[in-house]
Amino acid sequence: MSKELVIVFVKNIKLGKVKTRLAKTIGDLGAFEVYKELVEITEKATAKVEADKRIYFSDVIIDEKWKGFDKYVQEGSDLGIRMKNAFTKGFEDGYERIVLIGSDLPDINASHIKNGLKALETSQTVFGPAVDGGYYLIGLSKIHDCVFDNKPWSQSNLLQITVQELKSKNINYSILETLNDIDTFEDLIASEFYKSNLQLQEKIKQLND
C-alpha cells in the first residue's frame, strides 16, 4: 500500500444532471458532451500518477470505468461533508498524504496532482486555486475540520475564506498553479480545450441549430 492517495470526485454522467449552469446556454445535451470529455481528461491525468486511487461517484458506482480505482459513492448533505468523509476514510485506512480533485478541469495533468502530493511532504494543506475563486485540488496530511465546515461552496471567496481561517489557526498551506474549470459558457469558449476541439464545437453547434 502506498502512503499517498488520490481521490477524484465525479458526477455520474446523466443528461440534465451535469454542468447545469453551462446547460442554460448550450442545452443539456451540449453540457453532457462537454462533461464527458472533461471526465476523460481527468481519467488520463490520474492514470499517470503513482499513488493509490479512489473514485467517488455522485450517485452510483460505474464498474466499467476508472480501471485501477477503488470505487465509492459520495456521502453527505453538502460538498464539505462529502469531502471530509472521503478524507477521513483515507486517513483511517492509513494514508499520510491525500489529494482530492474534481472532474471539470480541461487543463489538469499528472504534474498538478504530483505537485499537490509533493507539497504535503512539508505543508499540512495544499490548494490548487481555480480562476473563479474556489479550488480544483485540495490536499491534507491530516484532517482539519475547519477546511470543510461552514464554507461558502461555489462562491468566489471560498479559497480566500479558507486560507484566512487556516492562518488564524496556524495551519500552514501551499498554493499550486491556478487553473480554470468549466462552469459557464464563457469559461468554455475561453478555454484552449474548446478552441482546439473542432469536433466538440461541431457537436454543440449541431445540437443548438
C-alpha atoms as a PDB file:
ATOM      1  CA  MET A   1       0.000   0.000   0.000  1.00  0.00           C
ATOM      2  CA  SER A   2       1.180   3.485  -0.879  1.00  0.00           C
ATOM      3  CA  LYS A   3       1.223   6.250   1.750  1.00  0.00           C
ATOM      4  CA  GLU A   4      -0.271   8.582  -0.876  1.00  0.00           C
ATOM      5  CA  LEU A   5      -3.862   8.624  -2.078  1.00  0.00           C
ATOM      6  CA  VAL A   6      -5.550  10.465  -4.939  1.00  0.00           C
ATOM      7  CA  ILE A   7      -9.319  10.925  -4.664  1.00  0.00           C
ATOM      8  CA  VAL A   8     -11.441  12.017  -7.621  1.00  0.00           C
ATOM      9  CA  PHE A   9     -14.964  13.352  -7.159  1.00  0.00           C
ATOM     10  CA  VAL A  10     -17.067  12.802 -10.265  1.00  0.00           C
ATOM     11  CA  LYS A  11     -20.722  13.284 -11.098  1.00  0.00           C
ATOM     12  CA  ASN A  12     -22.446  10.367 -12.720  1.00  0.00           C
ATOM     13  CA  ILE A  13     -22.763  11.453 -16.340  1.00  0.00           C
ATOM     14  CA  LYS A  14     -26.513  11.801 -16.660  1.00  0.00           C
ATOM     15  CA  LEU A  15     -28.384  14.010 -19.095  1.00  0.00           C
ATOM     16  CA  GLY A  16     -29.692  17.087 -17.298  1.00  0.00           C
ATOM     17  CA  LYS A  17     -27.622  16.424 -14.164  1.00  0.00           C
ATOM     18  CA  VAL A  18     -24.149  17.671 -15.167  1.00  0.00           C
ATOM     19  CA  LYS A  19     -22.851  21.198 -15.804  1.00  0.00           C
ATOM     20  CA  THR A  20     -26.277  22.717 -15.204  1.00  0.00           C
ATOM     21  CA  ARG A  21     -25.006  26.321 -15.420  1.00  0.00           C
ATOM     22  CA  LEU A  22     -23.404  25.559 -18.774  1.00  0.00           C
ATOM     23  CA  ALA A  23     -26.578  23.787 -19.916  1.00  0.00           C
ATOM     24  CA  LYS A  24     -28.527  27.035 -19.610  1.00  0.00           C
ATOM     25  CA  THR A  25     -26.623  28.272 -22.672  1.00  0.00           C
ATOM     26  CA  ILE A  26     -25.815  25.168 -24.733  1.00  0.00           C
ATOM     27  CA  GLY A  27     -28.557  22.808 -23.558  1.00  0.00           C
ATOM     28  CA  ASP A  28     -28.462  19.561 -21.583  1.00  0.00           C
ATOM     29  CA  LEU A  29     -27.042  17.537 -24.474  1.00  0.00           C
ATOM     30  CA  GLY A  30     -24.239  20.034 -25.070  1.00  0.00           C
ATOM     31  CA  ALA A  31     -23.337  20.116 -21.374  1.00  0.00           C
ATOM     32  CA  PHE A  32     -23.396  16.305 -21.324  1.00  0.00           C
ATOM     33  CA  GLU A  33     -20.877  16.156 -24.215  1.00  0.00           C
ATOM     34  CA  VAL A  34     -18.570  18.706 -22.566  1.00  0.00           C
ATOM     35  CA  TYR A  35     -18.577  16.964 -19.193  1.00  0.00           C
ATOM     36  CA  LYS A  36     -17.955  13.563 -20.787  1.00  0.00           C
ATOM     37  CA  GLU A  37     -14.757  14.925 -22.367  1.00  0.00           C
ATOM     38  CA  LEU A  38     -13.632  16.636 -19.154  1.00  0.00           C
ATOM     39  CA  VAL A  39     -14.013  13.362 -17.254  1.00  0.00           C
ATOM     40  CA  GLU A  40     -11.842  11.620 -19.858  1.00  0.00           C
ATOM     41  CA  ILE A  41      -9.131  14.279 -19.393  1.00  0.00           C
ATOM     42  CA  THR A  42      -9.252  13.694 -15.624  1.00  0.00           C
ATOM     43  CA  GLU A  43      -9.021   9.940 -16.097  1.00  0.00           C
ATOM     44  CA  LYS A  44      -5.911  10.314 -18.300  1.00  0.00           C
ATOM     45  CA  ALA A  45      -4.233  12.702 -15.834  1.00  0.00           C
ATOM     46  CA  THR A  46      -4.713  10.399 -12.858  1.00  0.00           C
ATOM     47  CA  ALA A  47      -3.549   7.331 -14.800  1.00  0.00           C
ATOM     48  CA  LYS A  48      -0.028   8.789 -14.867  1.00  0.00           C
ATOM     49  CA  VAL A  49       0.222   9.274 -11.085  1.00  0.00           C
ATOM     50  CA  GLU A  50       1.809   6.522  -9.000  1.00  0.00           C
ATOM     51  CA  ALA A  51      -0.352   6.531  -5.890  1.00  0.00           C
ATOM     52  CA  ASP A  52      -3.379   4.638  -4.697  1.00  0.00           C
ATOM     53  CA  LYS A  53      -6.573   5.987  -6.224  1.00  0.00           C
ATOM     54  CA  ARG A  54     -10.216   6.224  -5.263  1.00  0.00           C
ATOM     55  CA  ILE A  55     -13.129   7.480  -7.311  1.00  0.00           C
ATOM     56  CA  TYR A  56     -16.211   8.818  -5.551  1.00  0.00           C
ATOM     57  CA  PHE A  57     -19.313   8.906  -7.748  1.00  0.00           C
ATOM     58  CA  SER A  58     -22.182  11.292  -7.011  1.00  0.00           C
ATOM     59  CA  ASP A  59     -24.920   8.650  -7.222  1.00  0.00           C
ATOM     60  CA  VAL A  60     -23.970   5.123  -8.220  1.00  0.00           C
ATOM     61  CA  ILE A  61     -20.783   3.189  -8.890  1.00  0.00           C
ATOM     62  CA  ILE A  62     -19.943   2.591 -12.556  1.00  0.00           C
ATOM     63  CA  ASP A  63     -17.754  -0.507 -12.726  1.00  0.00           C
ATOM     64  CA  GLU A  64     -16.670  -0.361 -16.354  1.00  0.00           C
ATOM     65  CA  LYS A  65     -14.884   2.993 -15.995  1.00  0.00           C
ATOM     66  CA  TRP A  66     -11.852   4.137 -13.974  1.00  0.00           C
ATOM     67  CA  LYS A  67      -9.767   0.976 -14.064  1.00  0.00           C
ATOM     68  CA  GLY A  68      -7.403   0.640 -11.106  1.00  0.00           C
ATOM     69  CA  PHE A  69      -9.519   2.806  -8.816  1.00  0.00           C
ATOM     70  CA  ASP A  70     -11.302   1.722  -5.662  1.00  0.00           C
ATOM     71  CA  LYS A  71     -14.879   2.904  -6.147  1.00  0.00           C
ATOM     72  CA  TYR A  72     -17.230   4.594  -3.679  1.00  0.00           C
ATOM     73  CA  VAL A  73     -20.309   6.811  -3.588  1.00  0.00           C
ATOM     74  CA  GLN A  74     -20.090  10.292  -2.046  1.00  0.00           C
ATOM     75  CA  GLU A  75     -21.872  10.616   1.303  1.00  0.00           C
ATOM     76  CA  GLY A  76     -23.070  13.845   2.910  1.00  0.00           C
ATOM     77  CA  SER A  77     -25.528  16.703   2.563  1.00  0.00           C
ATOM     78  CA  ASP A  78     -23.072  19.252   1.139  1.00  0.00           C
ATOM     79  CA  LEU A  79     -19.730  19.251  -0.637  1.00  0.00           C
ATOM     80  CA  GLY A  80     -17.767  19.926   2.557  1.00  0.00           C
ATOM     81  CA  ILE A  81     -19.229  16.940   4.369  1.00  0.00           C
ATOM     82  CA  ARG A  82     -18.760  14.695   1.333  1.00  0.00           C
ATOM     83  CA  MET A  83     -15.094  15.674   1.004  1.00  0.00           C
ATOM     84  CA  LYS A  84     -14.456  15.383   4.739  1.00  0.00           C
ATOM     85  CA  ASN A  85     -15.944  11.883   4.765  1.00  0.00           C
ATOM     86  CA  ALA A  86     -13.696  10.809   1.884  1.00  0.00           C
ATOM     87  CA  PHE A  87     -10.563  12.259   3.518  1.00  0.00           C
ATOM     88  CA  THR A  88     -11.472  10.771   6.912  1.00  0.00           C
ATOM     89  CA  LYS A  89     -11.802   7.285   5.433  1.00  0.00           C
ATOM     90  CA  GLY A  90      -8.456   7.704   3.669  1.00  0.00           C
ATOM     91  CA  PHE A  91      -6.639   8.662   6.876  1.00  0.00           C
ATOM     92  CA  GLU A  92      -8.386   5.894   8.840  1.00  0.00           C
ATOM     93  CA  ASP A  93      -7.099   3.457   6.206  1.00  0.00           C
ATOM     94  CA  GLY A  94      -3.515   4.553   6.854  1.00  0.00           C
ATOM     95  CA  TYR A  95      -2.732   7.109   4.149  1.00  0.00           C
ATOM     96  CA  GLU A  96      -0.471  10.019   5.111  1.00  0.00           C
ATOM     97  CA  ARG A  97      -0.843  12.374   2.150  1.00  0.00           C
ATOM     98  CA  ILE A  98      -4.174  12.693   0.339  1.00  0.00           C
ATOM     99  CA  VAL A  99      -5.216  14.977  -2.515  1.00  0.00           C
ATOM    100  CA  LEU A 100      -8.719  15.325  -3.913  1.00  0.00           C
ATOM    101  CA  ILE A 101      -9.638  16.772  -7.299  1.00  0.00           C
ATOM    102  CA  GLY A 102     -12.819  17.399  -9.213  1.00  0.00           C
ATOM    103  CA  SER A 103     -13.502  16.363 -12.789  1.00  0.00           C
ATOM    104  CA  ASP A 104     -14.235  19.555 -14.739  1.00  0.00           C
ATOM    105  CA  LEU A 105     -10.703  20.769 -15.455  1.00  0.00           C
ATOM    106  CA  PRO A 106      -9.675  20.921 -19.111  1.00  0.00           C
ATOM    107  CA  ASP A 107      -6.023  21.707 -18.334  1.00  0.00           C
ATOM    108  CA  ILE A 108      -5.287  19.336 -15.477  1.00  0.00           C
ATOM    109  CA  ASN A 109      -2.426  16.892 -15.923  1.00  0.00           C
ATOM    110  CA  ALA A 110      -0.446  14.453 -13.803  1.00  0.00           C
ATOM    111  CA  SER A 111       2.045  17.143 -12.743  1.00  0.00           C
ATOM    112  CA  HIS A 112      -0.608  19.153 -10.904  1.00  0.00           C
ATOM    113  CA  ILE A 113      -1.580  16.091  -8.880  1.00  0.00           C
ATOM    114  CA  LYS A 114       2.032  15.056  -8.219  1.00  0.00           C
ATOM    115  CA  ASN A 115       2.877  18.620  -7.130  1.00  0.00           C
ATOM    116  CA  GLY A 116      -0.023  18.512  -4.677  1.00  0.00           C
ATOM    117  CA  LEU A 117       1.225  15.281  -3.125  1.00  0.00           C
ATOM    118  CA  LYS A 118       4.792  16.606  -3.023  1.00  0.00           C
ATOM    119  CA  ALA A 119       3.685  19.803  -1.246  1.00  0.00           C
ATOM    120  CA  LEU A 120       2.211  17.704   1.564  1.00  0.00           C
ATOM    121  CA  GLU A 121       5.686  16.493   2.495  1.00  0.00           C
ATOM    122  CA  THR A 122       6.303  19.954   4.008  1.00  0.00           C
ATOM    123  CA  SER A 123       2.833  21.559   4.271  1.00  0.00           C
ATOM    124  CA  GLN A 124      -0.220  20.499   6.256  1.00  0.00           C
ATOM    125  CA  THR A 125      -2.576  21.559   3.475  1.00  0.00           C
ATOM    126  CA  VAL A 126      -2.340  22.372  -0.231  1.00  0.00           C
ATOM    127  CA  PHE A 127      -4.749  24.012  -2.668  1.00  0.00           C
ATOM    128  CA  GLY A 128      -4.904  24.337  -6.436  1.00  0.00           C
ATOM    129  CA  PRO A 129      -6.769  27.612  -6.978  1.00  0.00           C
ATOM    130  CA  ALA A 130      -9.465  27.903  -9.618  1.00  0.00           C
ATOM    131  CA  VAL A 131      -9.905  31.149 -11.529  1.00  0.00           C
ATOM    132  CA  ASP A 132     -13.424  31.528 -10.091  1.00  0.00           C
ATOM    133  CA  GLY A 133     -12.136  31.812  -6.503  1.00  0.00           C
ATOM    134  CA  GLY A 134     -12.648  28.220  -5.494  1.00  0.00           C
ATOM    135  CA  TYR A 135     -10.145  25.396  -5.838  1.00  0.00           C
ATOM    136  CA  TYR A 136      -9.717  22.407  -8.135  1.00  0.00           C
ATOM    137  CA  LEU A 137      -7.410  20.482  -5.789  1.00  0.00           C
ATOM    138  CA  ILE A 138      -7.250  20.150  -2.033  1.00  0.00           C
ATOM    139  CA  GLY A 139      -4.680  18.106  -0.157  1.00  0.00           C
ATOM    140  CA  LEU A 140      -4.206  17.296   3.508  1.00  0.00           C
ATOM    141  CA  SER A 141      -1.671  15.446   5.648  1.00  0.00           C
ATOM    142  CA  LYS A 142      -4.292  15.108   8.418  1.00  0.00           C
ATOM    143  CA  ILE A 143      -7.899  16.123   8.902  1.00  0.00           C
ATOM    144  CA  HIS A 144      -8.590  19.803   9.603  1.00  0.00           C
ATOM    145  CA  ASP A 145     -12.334  20.223  10.157  1.00  0.00           C
ATOM    146  CA  CYS A 146     -12.137  23.968   9.542  1.00  0.00           C
ATOM    147  CA  VAL A 147     -11.396  23.364   5.858  1.00  0.00           C
ATOM    148  CA  PHE A 148     -14.765  21.682   5.373  1.00  0.00           C
ATOM    149  CA  ASP A 149     -17.169  23.163   7.900  1.00  0.00           C
ATOM    150  CA  ASN A 150     -19.406  26.166   7.183  1.00  0.00           C
ATOM    151  CA  LYS A 151     -17.740  27.204   3.938  1.00  0.00           C
ATOM    152  CA  PRO A 152     -19.299  29.193   1.051  1.00  0.00           C
ATOM    153  CA  TRP A 153     -19.264  26.396  -1.523  1.00  0.00           C
ATOM    154  CA  SER A 154     -19.468  27.563  -5.159  1.00  0.00           C
ATOM    155  CA  GLN A 155     -18.825  31.174  -4.116  1.00  0.00           C
ATOM    156  CA  SER A 156     -15.998  33.381  -5.399  1.00  0.00           C
ATOM    157  CA  ASN A 157     -14.489  33.859  -1.914  1.00  0.00           C
ATOM    158  CA  LEU A 158     -14.216  30.162  -0.979  1.00  0.00           C
ATOM    159  CA  LEU A 159     -10.424  29.857  -1.125  1.00  0.00           C
ATOM    160  CA  GLN A 160      -9.859  33.292   0.402  1.00  0.00           C
ATOM    161  CA  ILE A 161     -12.019  32.494   3.442  1.00  0.00           C
ATOM    162  CA  THR A 162     -10.478  29.024   3.793  1.00  0.00           C
ATOM    163  CA  VAL A 163      -6.930  30.418   3.779  1.00  0.00           C
ATOM    164  CA  GLN A 164      -7.849  33.145   6.289  1.00  0.00           C
ATOM    165  CA  GLU A 165      -9.125  30.500   8.681  1.00  0.00           C
ATOM    166  CA  LEU A 166      -6.001  28.365   8.238  1.00  0.00           C
ATOM    167  CA  LYS A 167      -3.818  31.374   9.033  1.00  0.00           C
ATOM    168  CA  SER A 168      -5.837  32.125  12.156  1.00  0.00           C
ATOM    169  CA  LYS A 169      -5.261  28.548  13.362  1.00  0.00           C
ATOM    170  CA  ASN A 170      -1.547  28.489  12.383  1.00  0.00           C
ATOM    171  CA  ILE A 171      -2.119  25.681   9.878  1.00  0.00           C
ATOM    172  CA  ASN A 172       0.387  26.053   7.052  1.00  0.00           C
ATOM    173  CA  TYR A 173      -0.530  25.633   3.395  1.00  0.00           C
ATOM    174  CA  SER A 174       0.902  25.559  -0.119  1.00  0.00           C
ATOM    175  CA  ILE A 175      -0.663  27.025  -3.251  1.00  0.00           C
ATOM    176  CA  LEU A 176      -0.308  25.430  -6.685  1.00  0.00           C
ATOM    177  CA  GLU A 177      -0.773  26.807 -10.194  1.00  0.00           C
ATOM    178  CA  THR A 178      -4.148  28.419 -10.897  1.00  0.00           C
ATOM    179  CA  LEU A 179      -6.399  26.611 -13.398  1.00  0.00           C
ATOM    180  CA  ASN A 180      -9.784  27.383 -14.888  1.00  0.00           C
ATOM    181  CA  ASP A 181     -12.653  24.964 -14.507  1.00  0.00           C
ATOM    182  CA  ILE A 182     -15.615  24.921 -16.873  1.00  0.00           C
ATOM    183  CA  ASP A 183     -18.827  26.084 -15.237  1.00  0.00           C
ATOM    184  CA  THR A 184     -20.310  28.556 -17.716  1.00  0.00           C
ATOM    185  CA  PHE A 185     -20.415  29.150 -21.475  1.00  0.00           C
ATOM    186  CA  GLU A 186     -17.901  31.967 -21.018  1.00  0.00           C
ATOM    187  CA  ASP A 187     -15.499  29.525 -19.314  1.00  0.00           C
ATOM    188  CA  LEU A 188     -15.975  27.067 -22.158  1.00  0.00           C
ATOM    189  CA  ILE A 189     -15.360  29.369 -25.120  1.00  0.00           C
ATOM    190  CA  ALA A 190     -12.342  30.987 -23.417  1.00  0.00           C
ATOM    191  CA  SER A 191     -10.629  27.625 -22.913  1.00  0.00           C
ATOM    192  CA  GLU A 192      -7.970  26.141 -25.207  1.00  0.00           C
ATOM    193  CA  PHE A 193      -9.730  22.829 -24.592  1.00  0.00           C
ATOM    194  CA  TYR A 194     -12.727  24.138 -26.575  1.00  0.00           C
ATOM    195  CA  LYS A 195     -10.887  26.308 -29.099  1.00  0.00           C
ATOM    196  CA  SER A 196      -8.731  23.369 -30.190  1.00  0.00           C
ATOM    197  CA  ASN A 197     -11.539  20.793 -30.176  1.00  0.00           C
ATOM    198  CA  LEU A 198     -13.278  21.255 -33.522  1.00  0.00           C
ATOM    199  CA  GLN A 199     -15.222  18.022 -33.125  1.00  0.00           C
ATOM    200  CA  LEU A 200     -16.767  19.231 -29.864  1.00  0.00           C
ATOM    201  CA  GLN A 201     -17.531  22.646 -31.370  1.00  0.00           C
ATOM    202  CA  GLU A 202     -19.338  20.963 -34.255  1.00  0.00           C
ATOM    203  CA  LYS A 203     -21.320  18.699 -31.922  1.00  0.00           C
ATOM    204  CA  ILE A 204     -22.501  21.645 -29.841  1.00  0.00           C
ATOM    205  CA  LYS A 205     -23.341  23.661 -32.983  1.00  0.00           C
ATOM    206  CA  GLN A 206     -25.435  20.791 -34.368  1.00  0.00           C
ATOM    207  CA  LEU A 207     -27.240  20.351 -31.055  1.00  0.00           C
ATOM    208  CA  ASN A 208     -28.160  24.033 -30.938  1.00  0.00           C
ATOM    209  CA  ASP A 209     -29.038  24.687 -34.593  1.00  0.00           C
END
